């Protein structure tokens, strides 16, 4: 439900109000921040199974907003290679899914002792697990906020895209050379203009010497 609604709202914002990069960053950051908040709430407020399930559902549900953010962003960056990019990024994203349960098992192991100690220690350990997961969400939000892009990349057009990039670089280089040439000519003209009074003065002195000699 959240994914479908987010998609419609994101498309509406792109058409009417905001550029693509702002929409992608907005939905990604909102998704990750709200998901992190849900995990922190579970760690501190989840006193019963019902509360824990509700807050975890809240966290996972709002993380679906990211589908209208970074997930669809592959098409914005490189429509021709969106599938390949999705395969690469999704493969990297599976690494935390493999490591996460091992870390959780290491942190939240079943303590030895009375039932009261078991309850208190187990909650603290799982709270630490949820906080770590929330920190990962926040880290992802900050990185995407800084580095996220919404425009088609120069390499996305294959060989044509690379050639276009080379032509743009060549035109920029030629423009810089032209600007340097104009600057040099302007500087030379300025120097000549500054030297004109000296030349006139010297010419006057020469004429005076010539008249005196005659």
N, C-alpha and C. Protein backbone atom coordinates (compact mmCIF):
# COMPACT_ATOMS: atom_id res chain seq x y z
N UNK A 1 0.83 -1.20 0.00
CA UNK A 1 0.00 0.00 0.00
C UNK A 1 0.87 1.27 0.00
N UNK A 2 1.87 1.29 0.88
CA UNK A 2 2.76 2.45 0.97
C UNK A 2 3.52 2.64 -0.34
N UNK A 3 3.95 1.55 -0.94
CA UNK A 3 4.71 1.63 -2.20
C UNK A 3 3.84 2.24 -3.30
N UNK A 4 2.60 1.79 -3.42
CA UNK A 4 1.71 2.30 -4.47
C UNK A 4 1.40 3.78 -4.27
N UNK A 5 1.06 4.15 -3.04
CA UNK A 5 0.74 5.56 -2.76
C UNK A 5 1.96 6.45 -2.98
N UNK A 6 3.12 5.98 -2.56
CA UNK A 6 4.35 6.76 -2.73
C UNK A 6 4.65 6.99 -4.20
N UNK A 7 4.41 5.98 -5.02
CA UNK A 7 4.65 6.13 -6.45
C UNK A 7 3.79 7.20 -7.08
N UNK A 8 2.49 7.21 -6.74
CA UNK A 8 1.59 8.22 -7.29
C UNK A 8 1.98 9.63 -6.82
N UNK A 9 2.30 9.75 -5.54
CA UNK A 9 2.67 11.07 -5.01
C UNK A 9 3.97 11.55 -5.63
N UNK A 10 4.94 10.65 -5.78
CA UNK A 10 6.22 11.04 -6.38
C UNK A 10 6.05 11.51 -7.82
N UNK A 11 5.25 10.81 -8.59
CA UNK A 11 5.00 11.22 -9.98
C UNK A 11 4.29 12.57 -10.04
N UNK A 12 3.35 12.78 -9.13
CA UNK A 12 2.64 14.06 -9.09
C UNK A 12 3.59 15.21 -8.77
N UNK A 13 4.46 15.00 -7.78
CA UNK A 13 5.42 16.04 -7.41
C UNK A 13 6.39 16.33 -8.54
N UNK A 14 6.82 15.31 -9.25
CA UNK A 14 7.75 15.52 -10.37
C UNK A 14 7.10 16.31 -11.50
N UNK A 15 5.83 16.06 -11.74
CA UNK A 15 5.14 16.75 -12.84
C UNK A 15 4.82 18.20 -12.49
N UNK A 16 4.49 18.45 -11.23
CA UNK A 16 3.95 19.76 -10.87
C UNK A 16 4.91 20.67 -10.11
N UNK A 17 5.72 20.10 -9.22
CA UNK A 17 6.39 20.95 -8.26
C UNK A 17 7.91 20.84 -8.22
N UNK A 18 8.43 19.62 -8.15
CA UNK A 18 9.83 19.44 -7.78
C UNK A 18 10.61 18.72 -8.88
N UNK A 19 11.92 18.99 -8.98
CA UNK A 19 12.76 18.22 -9.91
C UNK A 19 12.94 16.79 -9.43
N UNK A 20 13.36 15.94 -10.33
CA UNK A 20 13.46 14.51 -10.03
C UNK A 20 14.39 14.23 -8.86
N UNK A 21 15.55 14.87 -8.84
CA UNK A 21 16.53 14.57 -7.79
C UNK A 21 15.98 14.91 -6.41
N UNK A 22 15.20 15.99 -6.31
CA UNK A 22 14.63 16.37 -5.01
C UNK A 22 13.59 15.35 -4.57
N UNK A 23 12.77 14.88 -5.51
CA UNK A 23 11.75 13.88 -5.18
C UNK A 23 12.40 12.59 -4.71
N UNK A 24 13.44 12.14 -5.42
CA UNK A 24 14.10 10.89 -5.04
C UNK A 24 14.74 11.00 -3.66
N UNK A 25 15.39 12.11 -3.39
CA UNK A 25 16.02 12.29 -2.08
C UNK A 25 14.98 12.41 -0.98
N UNK A 26 13.88 13.10 -1.28
CA UNK A 26 12.82 13.28 -0.29
C UNK A 26 12.23 11.94 0.15
N UNK A 27 11.87 11.10 -0.81
CA UNK A 27 11.24 9.84 -0.48
C UNK A 27 12.23 8.86 0.16
N UNK A 28 13.46 8.87 -0.31
CA UNK A 28 14.46 7.97 0.27
C UNK A 28 14.76 8.35 1.71
N UNK A 29 14.98 9.63 1.96
CA UNK A 29 15.32 10.06 3.33
C UNK A 29 14.14 9.88 4.27
N UNK A 30 12.92 10.20 3.81
CA UNK A 30 11.74 9.98 4.66
C UNK A 30 11.57 8.50 4.99
N UNK A 31 11.77 7.65 3.99
CA UNK A 31 11.63 6.21 4.21
C UNK A 31 12.64 5.71 5.24
N UNK A 32 13.89 6.07 5.07
CA UNK A 32 14.93 5.58 5.97
C UNK A 32 14.80 6.16 7.37
N UNK A 33 14.47 7.44 7.47
CA UNK A 33 14.35 8.07 8.79
C UNK A 33 13.16 7.50 9.57
N UNK A 34 12.01 7.34 8.89
CA UNK A 34 10.84 6.78 9.56
C UNK A 34 11.07 5.32 9.93
N UNK A 35 11.75 4.58 9.06
CA UNK A 35 12.06 3.18 9.39
C UNK A 35 12.99 3.11 10.60
N UNK A 36 13.98 3.99 10.66
CA UNK A 36 14.89 4.03 11.81
C UNK A 36 14.13 4.39 13.08
N UNK A 37 13.20 5.34 12.98
CA UNK A 37 12.41 5.73 14.14
C UNK A 37 11.58 4.56 14.65
N UNK A 38 11.00 3.80 13.73
CA UNK A 38 10.23 2.63 14.13
C UNK A 38 11.06 1.60 14.87
N UNK A 39 12.28 1.39 14.43
CA UNK A 39 13.15 0.42 15.09
C UNK A 39 13.56 0.90 16.49
N UNK A 40 13.84 2.19 16.60
CA UNK A 40 14.20 2.73 17.93
C UNK A 40 13.02 2.62 18.88
N UNK A 41 11.81 2.89 18.36
CA UNK A 41 10.61 2.77 19.20
C UNK A 41 10.42 1.33 19.68
N UNK A 42 10.66 0.38 18.79
CA UNK A 42 10.55 -1.03 19.18
C UNK A 42 11.51 -1.34 20.32
N UNK A 43 12.74 -0.82 20.21
CA UNK A 43 13.74 -1.12 21.22
C UNK A 43 13.41 -0.58 22.60
N UNK A 44 12.71 0.56 22.65
CA UNK A 44 12.45 1.19 23.95
C UNK A 44 11.01 1.07 24.43
N UNK A 45 10.06 0.94 23.50
CA UNK A 45 8.64 0.94 23.89
C UNK A 45 7.98 -0.42 23.68
N UNK A 46 8.61 -1.26 22.89
CA UNK A 46 8.00 -2.54 22.59
C UNK A 46 8.00 -3.47 23.79
N UNK A 47 7.01 -3.27 24.68
CA UNK A 47 6.95 -4.06 25.93
C UNK A 47 6.16 -5.35 25.76
N UNK A 48 5.44 -5.48 24.67
CA UNK A 48 4.65 -6.69 24.44
C UNK A 48 4.82 -7.14 23.00
N UNK A 49 4.37 -8.34 22.72
CA UNK A 49 4.47 -8.85 21.35
C UNK A 49 3.64 -8.02 20.39
N UNK A 50 2.44 -7.59 20.83
CA UNK A 50 1.58 -6.81 19.97
C UNK A 50 2.22 -5.48 19.61
N UNK A 51 2.75 -4.79 20.63
CA UNK A 51 3.41 -3.50 20.38
C UNK A 51 4.60 -3.66 19.44
N UNK A 52 5.38 -4.69 19.69
CA UNK A 52 6.58 -4.92 18.87
C UNK A 52 6.20 -5.16 17.41
N UNK A 53 5.15 -5.98 17.19
CA UNK A 53 4.71 -6.26 15.82
C UNK A 53 4.18 -5.00 15.15
N UNK A 54 3.45 -4.18 15.88
CA UNK A 54 2.90 -2.95 15.31
C UNK A 54 4.02 -1.99 14.91
N UNK A 55 4.98 -1.80 15.79
CA UNK A 55 6.06 -0.85 15.50
C UNK A 55 6.98 -1.37 14.39
N UNK A 56 7.20 -2.67 14.36
CA UNK A 56 8.00 -3.23 13.27
C UNK A 56 7.26 -3.11 11.93
N UNK A 57 5.94 -3.30 11.97
CA UNK A 57 5.15 -3.11 10.75
C UNK A 57 5.21 -1.66 10.29
N UNK A 58 5.16 -0.75 11.25
CA UNK A 58 5.32 0.67 10.96
C UNK A 58 6.66 0.93 10.27
N UNK A 59 7.71 0.35 10.82
CA UNK A 59 9.06 0.56 10.28
C UNK A 59 9.19 0.00 8.87
N UNK A 60 8.79 -1.25 8.69
CA UNK A 60 8.92 -1.89 7.38
C UNK A 60 7.99 -1.24 6.36
N UNK A 61 6.79 -0.84 6.80
CA UNK A 61 5.84 -0.23 5.88
C UNK A 61 6.35 1.08 5.31
N UNK A 62 6.85 1.95 6.19
CA UNK A 62 7.33 3.24 5.71
C UNK A 62 8.64 3.12 4.93
N UNK A 63 9.38 2.05 5.15
CA UNK A 63 10.58 1.86 4.33
C UNK A 63 10.22 1.63 2.87
N UNK A 64 8.94 1.26 2.61
CA UNK A 64 8.49 1.08 1.23
C UNK A 64 8.47 2.37 0.43
N UNK A 65 8.52 3.52 1.13
CA UNK A 65 8.59 4.80 0.41
C UNK A 65 9.85 4.90 -0.42
N UNK A 66 10.86 4.14 -0.04
CA UNK A 66 12.13 4.17 -0.78
C UNK A 66 11.98 3.62 -2.20
N UNK A 67 10.91 2.89 -2.46
CA UNK A 67 10.70 2.41 -3.83
C UNK A 67 10.50 3.56 -4.80
N UNK A 68 9.94 4.68 -4.30
CA UNK A 68 9.80 5.87 -5.13
C UNK A 68 11.02 6.78 -5.02
N UNK A 69 12.03 6.31 -4.32
CA UNK A 69 13.25 7.07 -4.15
C UNK A 69 14.42 6.43 -4.87
N UNK A 70 15.32 5.83 -4.10
CA UNK A 70 16.54 5.30 -4.71
C UNK A 70 16.26 4.11 -5.62
N UNK A 71 15.20 3.36 -5.34
CA UNK A 71 14.97 2.13 -6.09
C UNK A 71 14.66 2.41 -7.56
N UNK A 72 13.78 3.37 -7.80
CA UNK A 72 13.43 3.71 -9.18
C UNK A 72 14.47 4.64 -9.80
N UNK A 73 15.38 5.12 -8.99
CA UNK A 73 16.39 6.07 -9.45
C UNK A 73 17.31 5.47 -10.51
N UNK A 74 17.38 4.14 -10.58
CA UNK A 74 18.20 3.49 -11.61
C UNK A 74 17.74 3.89 -13.01
N UNK A 75 16.44 4.03 -13.18
CA UNK A 75 15.91 4.41 -14.50
C UNK A 75 16.23 5.86 -14.81
N UNK A 76 16.24 6.70 -13.78
CA UNK A 76 16.60 8.11 -14.00
C UNK A 76 18.05 8.24 -14.46
N UNK A 77 18.93 7.47 -13.86
CA UNK A 77 20.36 7.59 -14.13
C UNK A 77 20.76 6.97 -15.46
N UNK A 78 20.22 5.78 -15.74
CA UNK A 78 20.63 5.07 -16.96
C UNK A 78 19.51 4.13 -17.39
N UNK A 79 18.54 4.63 -18.14
CA UNK A 79 17.42 3.78 -18.57
C UNK A 79 17.87 2.53 -19.32
N UNK A 80 18.91 2.67 -20.11
CA UNK A 80 19.38 1.55 -20.93
C UNK A 80 20.00 0.45 -20.07
N UNK A 81 20.58 0.83 -18.93
CA UNK A 81 21.27 -0.14 -18.08
C UNK A 81 20.62 -0.27 -16.71
N UNK A 82 19.34 0.09 -16.59
CA UNK A 82 18.66 0.07 -15.30
C UNK A 82 18.65 -1.34 -14.69
N UNK A 83 18.43 -2.34 -15.53
CA UNK A 83 18.41 -3.71 -15.02
C UNK A 83 19.75 -4.15 -14.47
N UNK A 84 20.82 -3.78 -15.18
CA UNK A 84 22.16 -4.14 -14.72
C UNK A 84 22.48 -3.43 -13.41
N UNK A 85 22.16 -2.14 -13.35
CA UNK A 85 22.40 -1.39 -12.11
C UNK A 85 21.61 -1.96 -10.95
N UNK A 86 20.36 -2.34 -11.22
CA UNK A 86 19.54 -2.93 -10.16
C UNK A 86 20.14 -4.23 -9.67
N UNK A 87 20.65 -5.03 -10.59
CA UNK A 87 21.28 -6.28 -10.19
C UNK A 87 22.51 -6.06 -9.33
N UNK A 88 23.32 -5.05 -9.69
CA UNK A 88 24.54 -4.77 -8.93
C UNK A 88 24.20 -4.24 -7.54
N UNK A 89 23.34 -3.20 -7.50
CA UNK A 89 23.02 -2.59 -6.21
C UNK A 89 22.25 -3.55 -5.30
N UNK A 90 21.36 -4.33 -5.88
CA UNK A 90 20.58 -5.27 -5.06
C UNK A 90 21.46 -6.39 -4.53
N UNK A 91 22.47 -6.79 -5.32
CA UNK A 91 23.40 -7.82 -4.83
C UNK A 91 24.20 -7.30 -3.64
N UNK A 92 24.66 -6.05 -3.73
CA UNK A 92 25.38 -5.46 -2.60
C UNK A 92 24.46 -5.30 -1.39
N UNK A 93 23.18 -4.98 -1.64
CA UNK A 93 22.23 -4.79 -0.55
C UNK A 93 21.92 -6.10 0.18
N UNK A 94 22.18 -7.22 -0.45
CA UNK A 94 21.92 -8.51 0.21
C UNK A 94 22.98 -8.85 1.25
N UNK A 95 24.12 -8.18 1.18
CA UNK A 95 25.20 -8.48 2.15
C UNK A 95 24.75 -8.20 3.58
N UNK A 96 24.14 -7.03 3.88
CA UNK A 96 23.64 -6.83 5.26
C UNK A 96 22.60 -7.86 5.67
N UNK A 97 21.80 -8.34 4.69
CA UNK A 97 20.82 -9.37 5.01
C UNK A 97 21.45 -10.68 5.42
N UNK A 98 22.68 -10.92 4.97
CA UNK A 98 23.41 -12.14 5.36
C UNK A 98 24.13 -11.94 6.68
N UNK A 99 24.76 -10.76 6.83
CA UNK A 99 25.55 -10.49 8.03
C UNK A 99 24.67 -10.14 9.23
N UNK A 100 23.53 -9.46 8.96
CA UNK A 100 22.67 -8.98 10.04
C UNK A 100 22.24 -10.05 11.03
N UNK A 101 21.69 -11.19 10.56
CA UNK A 101 21.28 -12.22 11.52
C UNK A 101 22.44 -12.77 12.36
N UNK A 102 23.63 -12.84 11.78
CA UNK A 102 24.78 -13.32 12.54
C UNK A 102 25.15 -12.34 13.65
N UNK A 103 25.09 -11.03 13.32
CA UNK A 103 25.38 -10.02 14.34
C UNK A 103 24.31 -10.04 15.43
N UNK A 104 23.05 -10.16 15.01
CA UNK A 104 21.95 -10.20 15.98
C UNK A 104 22.08 -11.41 16.90
N UNK A 105 22.48 -12.53 16.34
CA UNK A 105 22.65 -13.74 17.16
C UNK A 105 23.78 -13.56 18.16
N UNK A 106 24.85 -12.87 17.73
CA UNK A 106 25.98 -12.64 18.62
C UNK A 106 25.62 -11.70 19.76
N UNK A 107 24.84 -10.67 19.45
CA UNK A 107 24.50 -9.67 20.48
C UNK A 107 23.38 -10.17 21.38
N UNK A 108 22.31 -10.66 20.76
CA UNK A 108 21.11 -11.02 21.52
C UNK A 108 21.06 -12.53 21.78
N UNK A 109 22.06 -13.04 22.45
CA UNK A 109 22.04 -14.46 22.81
C UNK A 109 21.26 -14.65 24.10
N UNK A 110 20.73 -15.81 24.30
CA UNK A 110 19.90 -16.08 25.46
C UNK A 110 20.76 -16.12 26.72
N UNK A 111 20.49 -15.19 27.67
CA UNK A 111 21.32 -15.14 28.88
C UNK A 111 21.01 -16.29 29.85
N UNK A 112 21.96 -16.56 30.69
CA UNK A 112 21.80 -17.60 31.71
C UNK A 112 21.46 -16.93 33.04
N UNK A 113 20.42 -17.40 33.72
CA UNK A 113 20.04 -16.82 34.99
C UNK A 113 18.55 -16.98 35.23
N UNK A 114 18.02 -16.16 36.14
CA UNK A 114 16.60 -16.23 36.48
C UNK A 114 15.75 -15.66 35.36
N UNK A 115 14.44 -15.84 35.49
CA UNK A 115 13.52 -15.34 34.48
C UNK A 115 13.54 -13.82 34.41
N UNK A 116 13.70 -13.17 35.57
CA UNK A 116 13.75 -11.70 35.59
C UNK A 116 15.00 -11.19 34.89
N UNK A 117 16.12 -11.83 35.18
CA UNK A 117 17.36 -11.44 34.48
C UNK A 117 17.24 -11.70 32.98
N UNK A 118 16.61 -12.80 32.66
CA UNK A 118 16.44 -13.15 31.25
C UNK A 118 15.65 -12.07 30.51
N UNK A 119 14.54 -11.61 31.11
CA UNK A 119 13.70 -10.60 30.47
C UNK A 119 14.44 -9.27 30.28
N UNK A 120 15.09 -8.80 31.34
CA UNK A 120 15.75 -7.50 31.27
C UNK A 120 16.95 -7.52 30.33
N UNK A 121 17.78 -8.55 30.45
CA UNK A 121 18.97 -8.61 29.62
C UNK A 121 18.62 -8.82 28.15
N UNK A 122 17.62 -9.64 27.91
CA UNK A 122 17.23 -9.92 26.53
C UNK A 122 16.70 -8.67 25.84
N UNK A 123 15.91 -7.87 26.58
CA UNK A 123 15.39 -6.62 26.02
C UNK A 123 16.51 -5.65 25.68
N UNK A 124 17.47 -5.53 26.58
CA UNK A 124 18.60 -4.62 26.34
C UNK A 124 19.41 -5.04 25.13
N UNK A 125 19.61 -6.34 24.99
CA UNK A 125 20.40 -6.82 23.86
C UNK A 125 19.67 -6.59 22.53
N UNK A 126 18.37 -6.87 22.50
CA UNK A 126 17.62 -6.63 21.28
C UNK A 126 17.48 -5.14 20.99
N UNK A 127 17.43 -4.33 22.05
CA UNK A 127 17.42 -2.88 21.84
C UNK A 127 18.69 -2.45 21.13
N UNK A 128 19.80 -3.03 21.49
CA UNK A 128 21.06 -2.71 20.83
C UNK A 128 21.04 -3.13 19.37
N UNK A 129 20.44 -4.26 19.08
CA UNK A 129 20.31 -4.72 17.69
C UNK A 129 19.48 -3.75 16.88
N UNK A 130 18.35 -3.31 17.42
CA UNK A 130 17.48 -2.38 16.70
C UNK A 130 18.17 -1.03 16.50
N UNK A 131 18.92 -0.58 17.47
CA UNK A 131 19.61 0.69 17.33
C UNK A 131 20.67 0.62 16.23
N UNK A 132 21.38 -0.49 16.17
CA UNK A 132 22.37 -0.66 15.10
C UNK A 132 21.70 -0.62 13.73
N UNK A 133 20.56 -1.30 13.61
CA UNK A 133 19.82 -1.29 12.34
C UNK A 133 19.34 0.13 12.00
N UNK A 134 18.90 0.88 13.02
CA UNK A 134 18.47 2.26 12.80
C UNK A 134 19.64 3.12 12.34
N UNK A 135 20.81 2.90 12.90
CA UNK A 135 21.99 3.66 12.49
C UNK A 135 22.35 3.38 11.03
N UNK A 136 22.18 2.14 10.61
CA UNK A 136 22.44 1.81 9.20
C UNK A 136 21.47 2.56 8.29
N UNK A 137 20.20 2.62 8.68
CA UNK A 137 19.22 3.38 7.91
C UNK A 137 19.62 4.85 7.81
N UNK A 138 19.99 5.44 8.94
CA UNK A 138 20.35 6.86 8.95
C UNK A 138 21.61 7.12 8.12
N UNK A 139 22.56 6.22 8.19
CA UNK A 139 23.77 6.35 7.37
C UNK A 139 23.42 6.34 5.89
N UNK A 140 22.54 5.43 5.49
CA UNK A 140 22.12 5.36 4.09
C UNK A 140 21.40 6.63 3.66
N UNK A 141 20.57 7.20 4.55
CA UNK A 141 19.86 8.44 4.22
C UNK A 141 20.83 9.59 3.99
N UNK A 142 21.84 9.70 4.85
CA UNK A 142 22.82 10.79 4.73
C UNK A 142 23.63 10.65 3.44
N UNK A 143 24.09 9.43 3.15
CA UNK A 143 24.89 9.20 1.94
C UNK A 143 24.08 9.52 0.69
N UNK A 144 22.83 9.07 0.65
CA UNK A 144 22.01 9.34 -0.55
C UNK A 144 21.67 10.81 -0.66
N UNK A 145 21.47 11.47 0.47
CA UNK A 145 21.17 12.90 0.45
C UNK A 145 22.33 13.69 -0.15
N UNK A 146 23.56 13.26 0.11
CA UNK A 146 24.74 13.97 -0.37
C UNK A 146 25.06 13.59 -1.82
N UNK A 147 24.99 12.32 -2.14
CA UNK A 147 25.49 11.83 -3.43
C UNK A 147 24.41 11.54 -4.46
N UNK A 148 23.15 11.56 -4.07
CA UNK A 148 22.09 11.19 -4.99
C UNK A 148 22.00 12.11 -6.20
N UNK A 149 21.68 11.53 -7.37
CA UNK A 149 21.53 12.27 -8.62
C UNK A 149 20.18 11.92 -9.25
N UNK A 150 19.69 12.85 -10.08
CA UNK A 150 18.42 12.60 -10.74
C UNK A 150 18.46 12.71 -12.25
N UNK A 151 19.62 13.08 -12.78
CA UNK A 151 19.76 13.26 -14.23
C UNK A 151 20.40 12.04 -14.88
N UNK A 152 20.12 11.88 -16.15
CA UNK A 152 20.73 10.79 -16.92
C UNK A 152 22.23 11.03 -17.01
N UNK A 153 22.99 9.99 -16.73
CA UNK A 153 24.44 10.12 -16.69
C UNK A 153 25.03 10.05 -18.10
N UNK A 154 26.23 10.63 -18.24
CA UNK A 154 26.84 10.74 -19.57
C UNK A 154 27.18 9.39 -20.16
N UNK A 155 27.45 8.39 -19.30
CA UNK A 155 27.83 7.07 -19.79
C UNK A 155 26.60 6.20 -20.11
N UNK A 156 25.41 6.71 -19.83
CA UNK A 156 24.20 5.89 -19.97
C UNK A 156 23.81 5.65 -21.41
N UNK A 157 24.38 6.43 -22.35
CA UNK A 157 24.02 6.26 -23.75
C UNK A 157 24.93 5.33 -24.52
N UNK A 158 25.78 4.56 -23.81
CA UNK A 158 26.70 3.66 -24.49
C UNK A 158 27.80 4.42 -25.19
N UNK A 159 28.17 3.95 -26.40
CA UNK A 159 29.23 4.60 -27.18
C UNK A 159 28.85 6.02 -27.55
N UNK A 160 27.60 6.23 -27.91
CA UNK A 160 27.15 7.58 -28.27
C UNK A 160 27.27 8.53 -27.09
N UNK A 161 26.94 8.03 -25.91
CA UNK A 161 27.07 8.87 -24.72
C UNK A 161 28.50 9.25 -24.44
N UNK A 162 29.41 8.30 -24.61
CA UNK A 162 30.83 8.59 -24.38
C UNK A 162 31.34 9.59 -25.41
N UNK A 163 30.93 9.41 -26.68
CA UNK A 163 31.34 10.35 -27.72
C UNK A 163 30.79 11.75 -27.45
N UNK A 164 29.54 11.82 -26.99
CA UNK A 164 28.96 13.12 -26.66
C UNK A 164 29.73 13.79 -25.54
N UNK A 165 30.13 12.98 -24.55
CA UNK A 165 30.90 13.53 -23.44
C UNK A 165 32.25 14.06 -23.93
N UNK A 166 32.90 13.31 -24.82
CA UNK A 166 34.18 13.76 -25.37
C UNK A 166 34.01 15.05 -26.17
N UNK A 167 32.94 15.14 -26.96
CA UNK A 167 32.70 16.36 -27.73
C UNK A 167 32.45 17.55 -26.81
N UNK A 168 31.71 17.32 -25.72
CA UNK A 168 31.46 18.41 -24.77
C UNK A 168 32.77 18.86 -24.13
N UNK A 169 33.61 17.89 -23.75
CA UNK A 169 34.90 18.24 -23.15
C UNK A 169 35.76 19.01 -24.15
N UNK A 170 35.73 18.58 -25.43
CA UNK A 170 36.52 19.26 -26.46
C UNK A 170 36.03 20.69 -26.66
N UNK A 171 34.71 20.86 -26.70
CA UNK A 171 34.14 22.20 -26.87
C UNK A 171 34.50 23.08 -25.68
N UNK A 172 34.44 22.51 -24.46
CA UNK A 172 34.81 23.30 -23.29
C UNK A 172 36.28 23.69 -23.34
N UNK A 173 37.14 22.77 -23.81
CA UNK A 173 38.57 23.06 -23.92
C UNK A 173 38.82 24.17 -24.94
N UNK A 174 38.14 24.08 -26.10
CA UNK A 174 38.29 25.11 -27.12
C UNK A 174 37.76 26.45 -26.63
N UNK A 175 36.69 26.42 -25.87
CA UNK A 175 36.15 27.66 -25.32
C UNK A 175 37.13 28.30 -24.35
N UNK A 176 37.75 27.45 -23.50
CA UNK A 176 38.74 27.97 -22.55
C UNK A 176 39.92 28.58 -23.29
N UNK A 177 40.39 27.91 -24.37
CA UNK A 177 41.50 28.46 -25.16
C UNK A 177 41.12 29.80 -25.78
N UNK A 178 39.88 29.88 -26.28
CA UNK A 178 39.42 31.13 -26.90
C UNK A 178 39.37 32.24 -25.86
N UNK A 179 38.88 31.90 -24.67
CA UNK A 179 38.82 32.90 -23.61
C UNK A 179 40.22 33.37 -23.21
N UNK A 180 41.17 32.41 -23.15
CA UNK A 180 42.55 32.77 -22.82
C UNK A 180 43.15 33.69 -23.88
N UNK A 181 42.83 33.39 -25.18
CA UNK A 181 43.34 34.22 -26.28
C UNK A 181 42.78 35.64 -26.20
N UNK A 182 41.46 35.74 -25.94
CA UNK A 182 40.85 37.06 -25.81
C UNK A 182 41.45 37.83 -24.65
N UNK A 183 41.71 37.13 -23.54
CA UNK A 183 42.31 37.77 -22.38
C UNK A 183 43.71 38.27 -22.69
N UNK A 184 44.48 37.45 -23.43
CA UNK A 184 45.84 37.84 -23.80
C UNK A 184 45.83 39.06 -24.72
N UNK A 185 44.91 39.06 -25.71
CA UNK A 185 44.81 40.20 -26.61
C UNK A 185 44.40 41.47 -25.87
N UNK A 186 43.48 41.30 -24.92
CA UNK A 186 43.05 42.46 -24.14
C UNK A 186 44.19 43.01 -23.31
N UNK A 187 44.98 42.10 -22.73
CA UNK A 187 46.13 42.52 -21.92
C UNK A 187 47.16 43.24 -22.78
N UNK A 188 47.41 42.70 -23.99
CA UNK A 188 48.37 43.35 -24.89
C UNK A 188 47.89 44.73 -25.30
N UNK A 189 46.60 44.87 -25.60
CA UNK A 189 46.04 46.17 -25.97
C UNK A 189 46.16 47.16 -24.83
N UNK A 190 45.92 46.64 -23.61
CA UNK A 190 46.01 47.51 -22.44
C UNK A 190 47.43 48.01 -22.24
N UNK A 191 48.41 47.12 -22.45
CA UNK A 191 49.81 47.52 -22.29
C UNK A 191 50.20 48.56 -23.34
N UNK A 192 49.76 48.36 -24.59
CA UNK A 192 50.05 49.32 -25.65
C UNK A 192 49.42 50.68 -25.35
N UNK A 193 48.16 50.63 -24.83
CA UNK A 193 47.48 51.87 -24.50
C UNK A 193 48.20 52.61 -23.37
N UNK A 194 48.67 51.84 -22.39
CA UNK A 194 49.40 52.47 -21.28
C UNK A 194 50.71 53.05 -21.73
N UNK A 195 51.34 52.46 -22.77
CA UNK A 195 52.64 52.93 -23.24
C UNK A 195 52.54 54.09 -24.22
N UNK A 196 51.33 54.40 -24.72
CA UNK A 196 51.17 55.46 -25.70
C UNK A 196 51.63 56.82 -25.18
N UNK A 197 51.29 57.23 -23.93
CA UNK A 197 51.81 58.52 -23.45
C UNK A 197 53.33 58.58 -23.43
N UNK A 198 53.99 57.48 -23.03
CA UNK A 198 55.45 57.45 -23.01
C UNK A 198 56.01 57.60 -24.42
N UNK A 199 55.38 56.93 -25.40
CA UNK A 199 55.86 57.03 -26.77
C UNK A 199 55.68 58.45 -27.30
N UNK A 200 54.52 59.05 -26.96
CA UNK A 200 54.28 60.43 -27.42
C UNK A 200 55.29 61.39 -26.80
N UNK A 201 55.57 61.19 -25.51
CA UNK A 201 56.53 62.06 -24.82
C UNK A 201 57.92 61.92 -25.44
N UNK A 202 58.31 60.66 -25.69
CA UNK A 202 59.62 60.44 -26.30
C UNK A 202 59.69 61.02 -27.70
N UNK A 203 58.59 60.91 -28.45
CA UNK A 203 58.57 61.47 -29.81
C UNK A 203 58.71 62.99 -29.75
N UNK A 204 58.04 63.62 -28.76
CA UNK A 204 58.15 65.06 -28.60
C UNK A 204 59.55 65.50 -28.27
N UNK A 205 60.20 64.76 -27.41
CA UNK A 205 61.58 65.08 -27.04
C UNK A 205 62.49 64.97 -28.25
N UNK A 206 62.28 63.95 -29.05
CA UNK A 206 63.11 63.76 -30.25
C UNK A 206 62.93 64.90 -31.22
N UNK A 207 61.70 65.37 -31.39
CA UNK A 207 61.45 66.49 -32.31
C UNK A 207 62.11 67.75 -31.81
N UNK A 208 62.02 67.97 -30.49
CA UNK A 208 62.66 69.16 -29.91
C UNK A 208 64.17 69.14 -30.12
N UNK A 209 64.79 67.99 -29.89
CA UNK A 209 66.24 67.85 -30.12
C UNK A 209 66.57 68.13 -31.57
N UNK A 210 65.77 67.67 -32.48
CA UNK A 210 66.01 67.86 -33.89
C UNK A 210 65.92 69.31 -34.27
N UNK A 211 64.95 70.03 -33.74
CA UNK A 211 64.81 71.46 -34.03
C UNK A 211 65.95 72.25 -33.46
N UNK A 212 66.36 71.87 -32.22
CA UNK A 212 67.47 72.57 -31.58
C UNK A 212 68.75 72.38 -32.37
N UNK A 213 68.96 71.22 -32.89
CA UNK A 213 70.16 70.92 -33.66
C UNK A 213 70.17 71.73 -34.94
N UNK A 214 69.01 71.85 -35.57
CA UNK A 214 68.94 72.65 -36.79
C UNK A 214 69.12 74.13 -36.50
